[in-house]
N, C-alpha and C. Protein backbone atom coordinates (compact mmCIF):
# COMPACT_ATOMS: atom_id res chain seq x y z
N MET A 1 131.31 368.09 155.30
CA MET A 1 132.36 368.57 154.41
C MET A 1 133.72 368.61 155.13
N LYS A 2 133.68 369.05 156.40
CA LYS A 2 134.91 369.11 157.17
C LYS A 2 135.54 367.71 157.31
N ASN A 3 134.70 366.70 157.51
CA ASN A 3 135.18 365.32 157.65
C ASN A 3 135.81 364.82 156.36
N VAL A 4 135.23 365.17 155.23
CA VAL A 4 135.78 364.75 153.94
C VAL A 4 137.16 365.37 153.72
N ILE A 5 137.30 366.64 154.04
CA ILE A 5 138.60 367.32 153.89
C ILE A 5 139.63 366.67 154.81
N PHE A 6 139.23 366.38 156.05
CA PHE A 6 140.15 365.75 157.00
C PHE A 6 140.61 364.38 156.48
N ILE A 7 139.67 363.58 155.99
CA ILE A 7 140.01 362.25 155.48
C ILE A 7 140.94 362.35 154.28
N LEU A 8 140.67 363.26 153.37
CA LEU A 8 141.55 363.45 152.22
C LEU A 8 142.94 363.89 152.66
N PHE A 9 143.01 364.80 153.61
CA PHE A 9 144.29 365.28 154.13
C PHE A 9 145.05 364.12 154.78
N PHE A 10 144.35 363.32 155.59
CA PHE A 10 144.96 362.20 156.29
C PHE A 10 145.57 361.21 155.29
N PHE A 11 144.81 360.82 154.27
CA PHE A 11 145.32 359.86 153.30
C PHE A 11 146.40 360.44 152.41
N SER A 12 146.36 361.71 152.12
CA SER A 12 147.42 362.31 151.31
C SER A 12 148.73 362.34 152.08
N CYS A 13 148.65 362.56 153.40
CA CYS A 13 149.87 362.53 154.22
C CYS A 13 150.43 361.11 154.29
N LYS A 14 149.55 360.12 154.49
CA LYS A 14 149.98 358.74 154.57
C LYS A 14 150.56 358.26 153.24
N ALA A 15 150.04 358.74 152.15
CA ALA A 15 150.49 358.30 150.83
C ALA A 15 151.91 358.73 150.54
N GLN A 16 152.40 359.75 151.23
CA GLN A 16 153.76 360.23 150.99
C GLN A 16 154.81 359.27 151.53
N GLU A 17 154.44 358.46 152.52
CA GLU A 17 155.39 357.50 153.06
C GLU A 17 155.44 356.27 152.16
N GLN A 18 156.65 355.91 151.75
CA GLN A 18 156.82 354.71 150.93
C GLN A 18 157.74 353.76 151.67
N THR A 19 157.55 352.47 151.45
CA THR A 19 158.37 351.46 152.09
C THR A 19 159.35 350.88 151.07
N PHE A 20 160.62 350.76 151.51
CA PHE A 20 161.69 350.22 150.68
C PHE A 20 162.43 349.14 151.47
N PRO A 21 163.08 348.19 150.78
CA PRO A 21 163.91 347.22 151.49
C PRO A 21 165.01 347.94 152.28
N LEU A 22 165.37 347.37 153.39
CA LEU A 22 166.36 347.96 154.29
C LEU A 22 167.68 348.27 153.59
N LYS A 23 168.05 347.50 152.59
CA LYS A 23 169.33 347.66 151.90
C LYS A 23 169.32 348.75 150.83
N THR A 24 168.20 349.45 150.67
CA THR A 24 168.08 350.47 149.63
C THR A 24 168.94 351.68 149.96
N TYR A 25 169.64 352.21 148.97
CA TYR A 25 170.46 353.42 149.14
C TYR A 25 169.53 354.63 149.20
N ALA A 26 169.75 355.51 150.16
CA ALA A 26 168.79 356.58 150.47
C ALA A 26 168.89 357.84 149.61
N GLU A 27 169.88 357.97 148.78
CA GLU A 27 170.14 359.25 148.12
C GLU A 27 168.94 359.80 147.34
N ASN A 28 168.28 359.01 146.54
CA ASN A 28 167.18 359.52 145.71
C ASN A 28 165.81 359.03 146.17
N ILE A 29 165.68 358.71 147.42
CA ILE A 29 164.43 358.19 147.98
C ILE A 29 163.62 359.35 148.58
N PRO A 30 162.29 359.34 148.41
CA PRO A 30 161.46 360.43 148.97
C PRO A 30 161.60 360.54 150.49
N ILE A 31 161.46 361.75 150.99
CA ILE A 31 161.53 362.00 152.44
C ILE A 31 160.42 361.20 153.12
N ASN A 32 160.66 360.86 154.39
CA ASN A 32 159.73 360.11 155.23
C ASN A 32 159.50 358.68 154.75
N SER A 33 160.35 358.19 153.87
CA SER A 33 160.24 356.79 153.45
C SER A 33 160.69 355.89 154.59
N TYR A 34 160.27 354.65 154.52
CA TYR A 34 160.54 353.66 155.56
C TYR A 34 161.40 352.54 154.97
N PHE A 35 162.61 352.36 155.52
CA PHE A 35 163.50 351.28 155.11
C PHE A 35 163.22 350.10 156.04
N LYS A 36 162.49 349.14 155.53
CA LYS A 36 161.97 348.03 156.34
C LYS A 36 162.80 346.76 156.12
N ASP A 37 162.97 346.02 157.20
CA ASP A 37 163.67 344.73 157.15
C ASP A 37 162.70 343.68 156.59
N LEU A 38 162.43 343.77 155.31
CA LEU A 38 161.43 342.92 154.66
C LEU A 38 161.80 341.44 154.70
N ASN A 39 163.08 341.12 154.67
CA ASN A 39 163.53 339.72 154.67
C ASN A 39 163.88 339.21 156.06
N ASP A 40 163.65 340.03 157.09
CA ASP A 40 163.98 339.67 158.47
C ASP A 40 165.45 339.32 158.65
N ASP A 41 166.33 339.99 157.91
CA ASP A 41 167.78 339.77 158.03
C ASP A 41 168.30 340.08 159.43
N LEU A 42 167.69 341.04 160.11
CA LEU A 42 168.18 341.47 161.42
C LEU A 42 167.77 340.52 162.55
N ASN A 43 166.73 339.73 162.34
CA ASN A 43 166.19 338.88 163.41
C ASN A 43 167.22 337.91 163.97
N PHE A 44 168.09 337.38 163.14
CA PHE A 44 169.10 336.43 163.59
C PHE A 44 169.92 337.00 164.75
N TYR A 45 170.23 338.27 164.71
CA TYR A 45 171.15 338.88 165.66
C TYR A 45 170.50 339.25 166.99
N THR A 46 169.18 339.19 167.10
CA THR A 46 168.52 339.60 168.34
C THR A 46 168.74 338.55 169.43
N GLY A 47 168.77 339.02 170.67
CA GLY A 47 168.94 338.13 171.81
C GLY A 47 170.18 338.48 172.61
N THR A 48 170.59 337.56 173.47
CA THR A 48 171.76 337.73 174.33
C THR A 48 172.90 336.88 173.79
N TRP A 49 174.07 337.50 173.65
CA TRP A 49 175.25 336.86 173.08
C TRP A 49 176.44 337.07 174.02
N THR A 50 177.36 336.10 174.09
CA THR A 50 178.55 336.26 174.93
C THR A 50 179.81 335.83 174.17
N ALA A 51 180.92 336.41 174.62
CA ALA A 51 182.25 336.05 174.09
C ALA A 51 183.28 336.35 175.17
N SER A 52 184.45 335.76 175.03
CA SER A 52 185.58 336.04 175.92
C SER A 52 186.74 336.54 175.09
N PHE A 53 187.44 337.55 175.64
CA PHE A 53 188.57 338.14 174.91
C PHE A 53 189.53 338.76 175.93
N HIS A 54 190.78 338.29 175.95
CA HIS A 54 191.82 338.81 176.84
C HIS A 54 191.33 338.91 178.29
N ASP A 55 190.92 337.82 178.86
CA ASP A 55 190.45 337.75 180.25
C ASP A 55 189.20 338.58 180.51
N LYS A 56 188.49 338.98 179.47
CA LYS A 56 187.26 339.75 179.64
C LYS A 56 186.09 338.95 179.09
N THR A 57 184.95 339.14 179.71
CA THR A 57 183.71 338.56 179.22
C THR A 57 182.86 339.69 178.67
N ILE A 58 182.36 339.50 177.47
CA ILE A 58 181.53 340.53 176.83
C ILE A 58 180.13 339.95 176.64
N ILE A 59 179.14 340.69 177.10
CA ILE A 59 177.74 340.30 176.94
C ILE A 59 177.08 341.35 176.06
N LEU A 60 176.41 340.90 175.01
CA LEU A 60 175.64 341.79 174.14
C LEU A 60 174.17 341.45 174.27
N LYS A 61 173.34 342.46 174.44
CA LYS A 61 171.88 342.29 174.41
C LYS A 61 171.39 343.10 173.22
N ILE A 62 170.92 342.39 172.20
CA ILE A 62 170.59 343.02 170.93
C ILE A 62 169.08 342.94 170.69
N VAL A 63 168.50 344.09 170.37
CA VAL A 63 167.07 344.14 170.03
C VAL A 63 166.91 344.75 168.64
N LYS A 64 165.83 344.40 168.01
CA LYS A 64 165.47 344.99 166.72
C LYS A 64 164.46 346.10 166.99
N GLN A 65 164.79 347.31 166.58
CA GLN A 65 163.89 348.45 166.73
C GLN A 65 163.19 348.67 165.39
N ILE A 66 161.89 348.84 165.45
CA ILE A 66 161.07 348.98 164.25
C ILE A 66 160.78 350.45 163.98
N LYS A 67 160.96 350.83 162.74
CA LYS A 67 160.59 352.16 162.23
C LYS A 67 161.16 353.31 163.08
N GLN A 68 162.46 353.28 163.25
CA GLN A 68 163.15 354.33 164.02
C GLN A 68 163.44 355.54 163.14
N PRO A 69 163.20 356.75 163.65
CA PRO A 69 163.51 357.95 162.85
C PRO A 69 165.02 358.11 162.69
N ILE A 70 165.45 358.43 161.47
CA ILE A 70 166.87 358.66 161.17
C ILE A 70 166.97 359.82 160.18
N GLU A 71 168.19 360.29 160.00
CA GLU A 71 168.42 361.37 159.04
C GLU A 71 169.57 360.98 158.12
N PHE A 72 169.33 361.05 156.80
CA PHE A 72 170.36 360.85 155.78
C PHE A 72 170.31 362.05 154.86
N PHE A 73 171.44 362.56 154.47
CA PHE A 73 171.50 363.66 153.49
C PHE A 73 170.58 364.81 153.89
N ASN A 74 170.52 365.11 155.20
CA ASN A 74 169.67 366.17 155.75
C ASN A 74 168.19 365.97 155.46
N LYS A 75 167.77 364.73 155.31
CA LYS A 75 166.36 364.39 155.10
C LYS A 75 165.95 363.34 156.13
N ASN A 76 164.70 363.39 156.54
CA ASN A 76 164.19 362.46 157.55
C ASN A 76 163.61 361.21 156.91
N TYR A 77 163.94 360.08 157.52
CA TYR A 77 163.47 358.77 157.09
C TYR A 77 163.16 357.93 158.33
N TYR A 78 162.73 356.70 158.08
CA TYR A 78 162.53 355.71 159.14
C TYR A 78 163.21 354.42 158.69
N ARG A 79 163.68 353.63 159.67
CA ARG A 79 164.26 352.34 159.31
C ARG A 79 164.18 351.39 160.49
N ASP A 80 164.22 350.11 160.16
CA ASP A 80 164.38 349.07 161.17
C ASP A 80 165.87 348.97 161.44
N GLN A 81 166.24 348.76 162.70
CA GLN A 81 167.66 348.70 163.03
C GLN A 81 167.89 347.82 164.25
N LEU A 82 169.13 347.38 164.40
CA LEU A 82 169.54 346.70 165.62
C LEU A 82 170.03 347.74 166.60
N PHE A 83 169.75 347.54 167.87
CA PHE A 83 170.28 348.40 168.92
C PHE A 83 170.95 347.47 169.92
N VAL A 84 172.21 347.76 170.25
CA VAL A 84 173.01 346.87 171.07
C VAL A 84 173.34 347.53 172.40
N ARG A 85 173.02 346.82 173.46
CA ARG A 85 173.50 347.19 174.80
C ARG A 85 174.55 346.14 175.17
N TYR A 86 175.54 346.54 175.96
CA TYR A 86 176.63 345.60 176.24
C TYR A 86 177.16 345.77 177.65
N GLU A 87 177.91 344.75 178.07
CA GLU A 87 178.61 344.80 179.35
C GLU A 87 179.95 344.10 179.16
N VAL A 88 181.00 344.72 179.68
CA VAL A 88 182.35 344.14 179.61
C VAL A 88 182.81 343.95 181.05
N LYS A 89 183.18 342.69 181.38
CA LYS A 89 183.63 342.35 182.74
C LYS A 89 185.03 341.75 182.68
N LYS A 90 185.78 341.97 183.76
CA LYS A 90 187.08 341.32 183.92
C LYS A 90 187.12 340.79 185.34
N SER A 91 187.34 339.50 185.49
CA SER A 91 187.34 338.83 186.80
C SER A 91 186.07 339.16 187.58
N GLY A 92 184.94 339.19 186.92
CA GLY A 92 183.66 339.44 187.57
C GLY A 92 183.36 340.91 187.84
N MET A 93 184.34 341.78 187.63
CA MET A 93 184.15 343.22 187.89
C MET A 93 183.71 343.91 186.59
N ILE A 94 182.67 344.72 186.67
CA ILE A 94 182.16 345.42 185.49
C ILE A 94 183.09 346.57 185.13
N LEU A 95 183.65 346.54 183.93
CA LEU A 95 184.49 347.63 183.43
C LEU A 95 183.64 348.70 182.76
N GLU A 96 182.63 348.25 182.00
CA GLU A 96 181.73 349.19 181.33
C GLU A 96 180.43 348.45 181.03
N SER A 97 179.31 349.14 181.24
CA SER A 97 178.02 348.53 180.96
C SER A 97 177.03 349.57 180.46
N THR A 98 176.29 349.20 179.43
CA THR A 98 175.19 350.04 178.95
C THR A 98 173.86 349.29 179.09
N LEU A 99 173.87 348.17 179.81
CA LEU A 99 172.66 347.35 179.92
C LEU A 99 171.49 348.13 180.51
N ASP A 100 171.75 349.02 181.45
CA ASP A 100 170.68 349.80 182.08
C ASP A 100 170.73 351.27 181.70
N LYS A 101 171.52 351.63 180.70
CA LYS A 101 171.69 353.04 180.32
C LYS A 101 170.47 353.56 179.58
N ASN A 102 170.09 354.78 179.90
CA ASN A 102 169.02 355.47 179.19
C ASN A 102 169.67 356.31 178.09
N PHE A 103 169.41 355.97 176.85
CA PHE A 103 170.03 356.65 175.71
C PHE A 103 169.18 357.81 175.19
N THR A 104 168.11 358.17 175.89
CA THR A 104 167.20 359.21 175.40
C THR A 104 167.92 360.53 175.13
N ASN A 105 168.70 361.01 176.08
CA ASN A 105 169.37 362.30 175.93
C ASN A 105 170.88 362.19 175.80
N ASP A 106 171.41 360.97 175.78
CA ASP A 106 172.86 360.78 175.72
C ASP A 106 173.16 359.57 174.85
N SER A 107 173.64 359.83 173.64
CA SER A 107 173.91 358.72 172.71
C SER A 107 175.30 358.13 172.88
N LYS A 108 176.08 358.66 173.83
CA LYS A 108 177.43 358.14 174.07
C LYS A 108 177.35 356.64 174.37
N LEU A 109 178.23 355.88 173.78
CA LEU A 109 178.34 354.43 173.92
C LEU A 109 177.23 353.66 173.21
N SER A 110 176.45 354.32 172.36
CA SER A 110 175.38 353.60 171.67
C SER A 110 175.94 352.84 170.46
N VAL A 111 175.31 351.71 170.18
CA VAL A 111 175.67 350.88 169.03
C VAL A 111 174.39 350.59 168.26
N LYS A 112 174.33 351.06 167.00
CA LYS A 112 173.14 350.89 166.16
C LYS A 112 173.57 350.36 164.80
N SER A 113 172.71 349.53 164.22
CA SER A 113 173.04 349.01 162.89
C SER A 113 172.89 350.10 161.85
N ALA A 114 173.75 350.07 160.86
CA ALA A 114 173.69 351.01 159.75
C ALA A 114 173.04 350.33 158.55
N TYR A 115 173.52 349.14 158.21
CA TYR A 115 172.97 348.44 157.05
C TYR A 115 173.44 346.99 157.03
N PRO A 116 172.61 346.09 156.48
CA PRO A 116 173.04 344.71 156.26
C PRO A 116 173.68 344.60 154.88
N ASP A 117 174.41 343.51 154.65
CA ASP A 117 174.97 343.31 153.31
C ASP A 117 173.92 342.70 152.40
N GLU A 118 174.32 342.37 151.19
CA GLU A 118 173.37 341.91 150.17
C GLU A 118 172.63 340.63 150.52
N ASN A 119 173.29 339.67 151.18
CA ASN A 119 172.61 338.40 151.43
C ASN A 119 172.18 338.20 152.88
N GLY A 120 172.32 339.22 153.72
CA GLY A 120 171.85 339.15 155.09
C GLY A 120 172.76 338.44 156.06
N ASN A 121 173.94 337.99 155.63
CA ASN A 121 174.85 337.28 156.52
C ASN A 121 175.84 338.20 157.22
N LYS A 122 175.74 339.48 156.99
CA LYS A 122 176.65 340.44 157.61
C LYS A 122 175.88 341.74 157.84
N VAL A 123 176.16 342.39 158.96
CA VAL A 123 175.54 343.69 159.23
C VAL A 123 176.62 344.61 159.80
N THR A 124 176.62 345.85 159.34
CA THR A 124 177.56 346.86 159.83
C THR A 124 176.82 347.76 160.81
N LEU A 125 177.48 348.03 161.94
CA LEU A 125 176.90 348.87 162.99
C LEU A 125 177.81 350.06 163.23
N LEU A 126 177.26 351.10 163.82
CA LEU A 126 178.03 352.29 164.17
C LEU A 126 178.09 352.42 165.68
N PHE A 127 179.32 352.58 166.21
CA PHE A 127 179.53 352.80 167.63
C PHE A 127 179.83 354.27 167.82
N SER A 128 179.08 354.94 168.69
CA SER A 128 179.22 356.39 168.87
C SER A 128 180.45 356.78 169.68
N GLY A 129 181.10 355.82 170.31
CA GLY A 129 182.28 356.14 171.11
C GLY A 129 181.91 356.56 172.52
N GLY A 130 182.93 356.73 173.34
CA GLY A 130 182.72 357.13 174.72
C GLY A 130 182.96 358.61 174.92
N ASN A 131 183.63 358.96 176.00
CA ASN A 131 183.93 360.36 176.29
C ASN A 131 184.74 360.97 175.15
N CYS A 132 184.35 362.16 174.72
CA CYS A 132 184.98 362.86 173.59
C CYS A 132 185.02 362.01 172.33
N SER A 133 184.07 361.11 172.20
CA SER A 133 183.93 360.21 171.03
C SER A 133 185.10 359.26 170.84
N VAL A 134 185.90 359.05 171.87
CA VAL A 134 187.00 358.09 171.76
C VAL A 134 186.40 356.70 171.49
N GLY A 135 186.89 356.05 170.47
CA GLY A 135 186.41 354.72 170.10
C GLY A 135 185.34 354.72 169.02
N ILE A 136 184.90 355.91 168.59
CA ILE A 136 183.89 355.97 167.55
C ILE A 136 184.36 355.15 166.35
N GLY A 137 183.46 354.35 165.79
CA GLY A 137 183.88 353.52 164.67
C GLY A 137 182.80 352.56 164.24
N THR A 138 183.20 351.55 163.49
CA THR A 138 182.25 350.57 162.98
C THR A 138 182.50 349.21 163.62
N ILE A 139 181.41 348.48 163.74
CA ILE A 139 181.43 347.11 164.22
C ILE A 139 180.73 346.28 163.15
N VAL A 140 181.31 345.14 162.83
CA VAL A 140 180.72 344.27 161.82
C VAL A 140 180.41 342.92 162.45
N PHE A 141 179.17 342.46 162.26
CA PHE A 141 178.76 341.11 162.66
C PHE A 141 178.67 340.27 161.39
N LYS A 142 179.31 339.07 161.40
CA LYS A 142 179.21 338.14 160.27
C LYS A 142 178.68 336.81 160.79
N LYS A 143 177.58 336.39 160.25
CA LYS A 143 176.95 335.14 160.67
C LYS A 143 177.86 333.95 160.36
N ILE A 144 178.06 333.07 161.37
CA ILE A 144 178.84 331.85 161.19
C ILE A 144 177.88 330.67 160.99
N ASN A 145 176.96 330.52 161.94
CA ASN A 145 175.95 329.46 161.88
C ASN A 145 174.73 329.95 162.66
N ASP A 146 173.83 329.05 163.01
CA ASP A 146 172.57 329.47 163.66
C ASP A 146 172.75 330.02 165.07
N THR A 147 173.90 329.79 165.70
CA THR A 147 174.09 330.24 167.09
C THR A 147 175.35 331.08 167.29
N GLN A 148 176.06 331.43 166.22
CA GLN A 148 177.31 332.19 166.39
C GLN A 148 177.49 333.22 165.28
N PHE A 149 178.20 334.30 165.65
CA PHE A 149 178.63 335.27 164.64
C PHE A 149 180.01 335.79 165.00
N TYR A 150 180.72 336.26 163.98
CA TYR A 150 182.02 336.92 164.18
C TYR A 150 181.79 338.39 164.46
N TRP A 151 182.65 338.94 165.29
CA TRP A 151 182.65 340.36 165.65
C TRP A 151 183.92 340.98 165.10
N GLY A 152 183.82 342.14 164.49
CA GLY A 152 184.98 342.92 164.08
C GLY A 152 184.74 344.36 164.47
N TYR A 153 185.64 344.94 165.25
CA TYR A 153 185.48 346.33 165.71
C TYR A 153 186.64 347.16 165.17
N TYR A 154 186.31 348.28 164.51
CA TYR A 154 187.30 349.12 163.85
C TYR A 154 187.13 350.56 164.32
N PRO A 155 187.79 350.92 165.44
CA PRO A 155 187.65 352.29 165.95
C PRO A 155 188.33 353.29 165.02
N GLY A 156 187.67 354.41 164.81
CA GLY A 156 188.24 355.47 163.98
C GLY A 156 189.19 356.35 164.76
N THR A 157 188.95 356.48 166.06
CA THR A 157 189.83 357.27 166.91
C THR A 157 190.01 356.55 168.23
N THR A 158 191.24 356.49 168.71
CA THR A 158 191.51 355.77 169.96
C THR A 158 192.14 356.65 171.02
N THR A 159 192.27 357.94 170.74
CA THR A 159 192.85 358.86 171.72
C THR A 159 191.96 360.09 171.85
N SER A 160 192.11 360.79 172.97
CA SER A 160 191.33 362.01 173.20
C SER A 160 192.12 363.23 172.77
N ASN A 161 191.41 364.31 172.56
CA ASN A 161 192.00 365.60 172.23
C ASN A 161 192.33 366.29 173.56
N ASP A 162 193.60 366.45 173.88
CA ASP A 162 194.00 367.02 175.17
C ASP A 162 193.54 368.46 175.35
N ILE A 163 193.24 369.16 174.29
CA ILE A 163 192.85 370.57 174.40
C ILE A 163 191.39 370.73 174.80
N THR A 164 190.49 369.96 174.18
CA THR A 164 189.07 370.15 174.44
C THR A 164 188.44 369.09 175.33
N CYS A 165 189.14 368.00 175.63
CA CYS A 165 188.58 366.93 176.45
C CYS A 165 189.11 367.03 177.88
N PRO A 166 188.22 367.06 178.86
CA PRO A 166 188.65 367.16 180.26
C PRO A 166 189.52 365.96 180.66
N PRO A 167 190.57 366.19 181.44
CA PRO A 167 191.50 365.11 181.80
C PRO A 167 190.93 364.11 182.80
N ASP A 168 189.83 364.43 183.47
CA ASP A 168 189.30 363.57 184.53
C ASP A 168 188.31 362.51 184.03
N ARG A 169 188.22 362.30 182.75
CA ARG A 169 187.28 361.33 182.18
C ARG A 169 187.98 360.01 181.85
N ASP A 170 187.19 358.97 181.74
CA ASP A 170 187.70 357.66 181.35
C ASP A 170 187.72 357.59 179.82
N TYR A 171 188.89 357.46 179.24
CA TYR A 171 189.02 357.39 177.79
C TYR A 171 189.41 356.00 177.29
N ASN A 172 189.27 355.00 178.15
CA ASN A 172 189.56 353.63 177.74
C ASN A 172 188.49 353.12 176.79
N ILE A 173 188.89 352.26 175.89
CA ILE A 173 187.96 351.56 175.02
C ILE A 173 187.86 350.14 175.57
N TYR A 174 186.68 349.78 176.05
CA TYR A 174 186.50 348.47 176.66
C TYR A 174 185.98 347.41 175.69
N LEU A 175 185.36 347.84 174.61
CA LEU A 175 184.91 346.87 173.61
C LEU A 175 186.13 346.22 172.97
N PRO A 176 186.04 344.94 172.63
CA PRO A 176 187.21 344.25 172.05
C PRO A 176 187.57 344.77 170.66
N GLU A 177 188.77 345.33 170.55
CA GLU A 177 189.28 345.83 169.27
C GLU A 177 189.96 344.67 168.55
N THR A 178 189.17 343.93 167.81
CA THR A 178 189.68 342.73 167.14
C THR A 178 188.74 342.32 166.02
N GLU A 179 189.20 341.37 165.23
CA GLU A 179 188.38 340.77 164.17
C GLU A 179 188.15 339.30 164.50
N ASN A 180 187.07 338.76 163.99
CA ASN A 180 186.75 337.34 164.08
C ASN A 180 186.62 336.81 165.51
N LEU A 181 186.20 337.66 166.44
CA LEU A 181 185.86 337.21 167.78
C LEU A 181 184.50 336.53 167.69
N VAL A 182 184.40 335.32 168.22
CA VAL A 182 183.16 334.55 168.09
C VAL A 182 182.23 334.83 169.27
N PHE A 183 181.02 335.29 168.96
CA PHE A 183 179.96 335.45 169.94
C PHE A 183 178.99 334.29 169.79
N THR A 184 178.53 333.76 170.93
CA THR A 184 177.61 332.63 170.94
C THR A 184 176.29 333.05 171.58
N LYS A 185 175.20 332.62 170.96
CA LYS A 185 173.86 332.97 171.46
C LYS A 185 173.58 332.20 172.74
N GLN A 186 173.00 332.88 173.70
CA GLN A 186 172.67 332.26 174.99
C GLN A 186 171.22 331.84 175.04
């Protein structure tokens, strides 16, 4: 009898999770639902990509994370998403790198996809910003062809708050603040 109750409990818990296309709006979706990349729209962007901008070389290492926990409207869900690590160099010197950063307890400088557009040729990502959230904003990838995409970075804030942010921190934004920068797959 105990086994029957356990099995019923197990399946009733599993039945609460529903799967929806990644592009589904979350407002009226049941809690613990899974927004899945059913059309593999995110796969194109995975891998190592490079671009040059104002004497800087930018390297992106993009992975697709499956069924990551997220929160929308104070409710818990899961979704597939892109996670971007990057490195910005000038004359061979590293200005900023997250290639080896552990994001477990520090989301500063993280770049994660928020949602793809309707036909999968564009994806919007969220950049958490650096110290005191300087540079927080959106990044948009637009597919050009099988080996290239355009980059557009739109920071929401580009300065620090002198009252609450310590003066001894680096508040530079090293990611390229531009539109239509071409990244090429390596």
